[in-house]
Amino acid sequence: MAATRLNRLNRERLCHEHGALDELVTTLYRVLAERHETPQRVSHLLSDLTERVAAHFKDEEEAGLFEDLTNHLPHHAEEIAKLEAEHKTLMDEFLALNALATADGEFSAEGWKELEDRFRALTTLMCHHESRENDLLVTAYDDDIGNKD
C-alpha cells in the first residue's frame, strides 16, 4: 500500500509523464516508418522508452494510483485491478521488443516490418491502457485533464 494518497499534484505529474511518453512514441513511429536510422539508434530509443515506461508505472504504483482509484470508485475495483496487472504484461512486451531490436548488424526488410508491427501493436495497447486510467481519474476526481494525457 502506498504511503501517500494520490493528490492533485501527483495526478498532474502522472498526466505530464503521459505526454512525455507520447513524444518518444511519436519519434519511434517516425524512425520505424522511415527506416533511415541504424539498428543501434532504434535499440537505444526503444530502451529509453522502456525505461521511461517502467519509471512511469513505478510512479503510478508508488503514488497510490490504484488504491486511491479503488477507494473513490469501488464499483470499478475489478477494472482497476486489471489495469494494475497490465503493467507487468506491458513491461514484458516492451522487454521482448527491446530484445528483438538489439540484433547485431542491419535489419532485413522483414525485421524492420516485424519491429514496426510489434511496436505499433504494443503502443496501441499502451494507449488504451493509459486512456482507461485517464477516464477513471476523470470519473474519480472530476479532473479535466484536457491535453495533458
Protein backbone atom coordinates (compact mmCIF):
# COMPACT_ATOMS: atom_id res chain seq x y z
CA MET A 1 0.00 0.00 0.00
CA ALA A 2 1.30 3.43 -0.89
CA ALA A 3 2.40 5.71 1.92
CA THR A 4 0.76 8.80 0.42
CA ARG A 5 -2.62 9.35 -1.10
CA LEU A 6 -2.80 10.44 -4.69
CA ASN A 7 -3.11 14.21 -4.58
CA ARG A 8 -3.80 16.65 -7.39
CA LEU A 9 -0.09 17.43 -7.85
CA ASN A 10 0.74 13.73 -8.24
CA ARG A 11 -2.15 13.28 -10.69
CA GLU A 12 -0.89 16.20 -12.78
CA ARG A 13 2.67 14.82 -12.72
CA LEU A 14 1.45 11.41 -13.91
CA CYS A 15 -0.51 13.06 -16.73
CA HIS A 16 2.58 15.06 -17.69
CA GLU A 17 4.52 11.78 -17.88
CA HIS A 18 1.91 10.50 -20.34
CA GLY A 19 2.73 13.44 -22.61
CA ALA A 20 6.48 12.81 -22.44
CA LEU A 21 5.94 9.14 -23.29
CA ASP A 22 3.74 10.13 -26.22
CA GLU A 23 6.54 12.31 -27.65
CA LEU A 24 9.01 9.42 -27.57
CA VAL A 25 6.45 7.05 -29.10
CA THR A 26 5.87 9.56 -31.92
CA THR A 27 9.62 9.71 -32.57
CA LEU A 28 9.81 5.93 -32.73
CA TYR A 29 6.83 5.74 -35.10
CA ARG A 30 8.68 8.08 -37.45
CA VAL A 31 12.01 6.27 -37.10
CA LEU A 32 10.45 2.86 -37.73
CA ALA A 33 8.40 4.11 -40.69
CA GLU A 34 11.31 5.90 -42.37
CA ARG A 35 13.90 3.18 -41.66
CA HIS A 36 16.83 5.56 -42.02
CA GLU A 37 18.27 5.08 -38.53
CA THR A 38 20.75 2.40 -37.55
CA PRO A 39 19.59 -0.62 -35.56
CA GLN A 40 21.71 0.70 -32.68
CA ARG A 41 19.80 4.00 -32.69
CA VAL A 42 16.46 2.18 -32.81
CA SER A 43 17.58 -0.05 -29.95
CA HIS A 44 18.65 2.99 -27.95
CA LEU A 45 15.28 4.73 -28.48
CA LEU A 46 13.34 1.60 -27.55
CA SER A 47 15.50 1.11 -24.48
CA ASP A 48 14.89 4.71 -23.43
CA LEU A 49 11.14 4.31 -23.91
CA THR A 50 11.12 1.07 -21.94
CA GLU A 51 12.99 2.71 -19.05
CA ARG A 52 10.59 5.64 -19.05
CA VAL A 53 7.53 3.39 -19.14
CA ALA A 54 8.93 1.34 -16.23
CA ALA A 55 9.56 4.54 -14.25
CA HIS A 56 6.06 5.82 -15.07
CA PHE A 57 4.45 2.59 -13.92
CA LYS A 58 6.50 2.69 -10.74
CA ASP A 59 5.45 6.30 -10.15
CA GLU A 60 1.78 5.37 -10.59
CA GLU A 61 2.09 2.49 -8.17
CA GLU A 62 4.11 4.41 -5.56
CA ALA A 63 1.76 7.41 -5.77
CA GLY A 64 -1.08 5.10 -4.79
CA LEU A 65 -2.98 5.47 -8.06
CA PHE A 66 -4.72 2.11 -7.97
CA GLU A 67 -5.50 2.12 -4.25
CA ASP A 68 -6.87 5.65 -4.46
CA LEU A 69 -8.97 4.90 -7.54
CA THR A 70 -10.37 1.81 -5.82
CA ASN A 71 -11.24 3.90 -2.73
CA HIS A 72 -13.00 6.51 -4.88
CA LEU A 73 -14.59 4.05 -7.32
CA PRO A 74 -15.17 0.75 -5.50
CA HIS A 75 -17.65 -0.33 -8.19
CA HIS A 76 -14.72 -0.23 -10.68
CA ALA A 77 -12.42 -2.34 -8.49
CA GLU A 78 -12.20 -5.20 -11.00
CA GLU A 79 -11.29 -2.88 -13.88
CA ILE A 80 -8.72 -1.08 -11.70
CA ALA A 81 -7.13 -4.39 -10.68
CA LYS A 82 -6.87 -5.37 -14.36
CA LEU A 83 -5.15 -2.08 -15.16
CA GLU A 84 -2.64 -2.63 -12.38
CA ALA A 85 -1.94 -6.18 -13.62
CA GLU A 86 -1.44 -4.85 -17.15
CA HIS A 87 1.71 -3.07 -16.01
CA LYS A 88 3.61 -6.36 -15.84
CA THR A 89 2.19 -7.58 -19.14
CA LEU A 90 3.06 -4.34 -20.93
CA MET A 91 6.56 -4.29 -19.44
CA ASP A 92 7.13 -7.89 -20.56
CA GLU A 93 6.15 -6.86 -24.09
CA PHE A 94 8.45 -3.83 -24.03
CA LEU A 95 11.34 -6.03 -22.90
CA ALA A 96 10.61 -8.56 -25.65
CA LEU A 97 10.54 -5.77 -28.23
CA ASN A 98 13.86 -4.49 -26.91
CA ALA A 99 15.36 -7.95 -27.30
CA LEU A 100 14.17 -8.04 -30.91
CA ALA A 101 15.73 -4.62 -31.58
CA THR A 102 19.15 -5.47 -30.17
CA ALA A 103 20.14 -7.63 -33.12
CA ASP A 104 23.65 -7.04 -34.42
CA GLY A 105 24.11 -5.63 -37.88
CA GLU A 106 21.39 -4.30 -40.14
CA PHE A 107 17.72 -5.19 -40.04
CA SER A 108 16.32 -7.07 -43.01
CA ALA A 109 13.16 -5.71 -44.61
CA GLU A 110 11.24 -8.39 -42.71
CA GLY A 111 13.00 -7.43 -39.48
CA TRP A 112 12.03 -3.77 -39.87
CA LYS A 113 8.44 -4.75 -40.62
CA GLU A 114 8.20 -7.10 -37.63
CA LEU A 115 9.69 -4.48 -35.32
CA GLU A 116 7.36 -1.77 -36.62
CA ASP A 117 4.27 -4.02 -36.46
CA ARG A 118 5.04 -5.18 -32.93
CA PHE A 119 5.80 -1.62 -31.82
CA ARG A 120 2.51 -0.36 -33.24
CA ALA A 121 0.57 -3.19 -31.58
CA LEU A 122 2.27 -2.59 -28.24
CA THR A 123 1.83 1.17 -28.28
CA THR A 124 -1.83 0.72 -29.19
CA LEU A 125 -2.25 -1.46 -26.09
CA MET A 126 -0.37 1.12 -24.05
CA CYS A 127 -2.55 3.92 -25.39
CA HIS A 128 -5.73 2.03 -24.48
CA HIS A 129 -4.31 1.31 -21.02
CA GLU A 130 -3.46 4.96 -20.35
CA SER A 131 -6.80 6.11 -21.76
CA ARG A 132 -8.69 3.83 -19.37
CA GLU A 133 -6.61 5.15 -16.47
CA ASN A 134 -7.33 8.73 -17.53
CA ASP A 135 -11.06 8.00 -17.79
CA LEU A 136 -11.05 6.63 -14.25
CA LEU A 137 -9.11 9.65 -12.98
CA VAL A 138 -11.65 11.99 -14.54
CA THR A 139 -14.52 9.98 -13.05
CA ALA A 140 -12.93 9.74 -9.59
CA TYR A 141 -11.72 13.31 -9.26
CA ASP A 142 -13.80 15.18 -11.79
CA ASP A 143 -10.49 16.35 -13.26
CA ASP A 144 -10.41 17.77 -16.73
CA ILE A 145 -7.01 16.53 -17.88
CA GLY A 146 -7.51 18.04 -21.31
CA ASN A 147 -4.39 17.81 -23.47
CA LYS A 148 -2.17 16.57 -20.61
CA ASP A 149 -2.88 12.89 -21.34
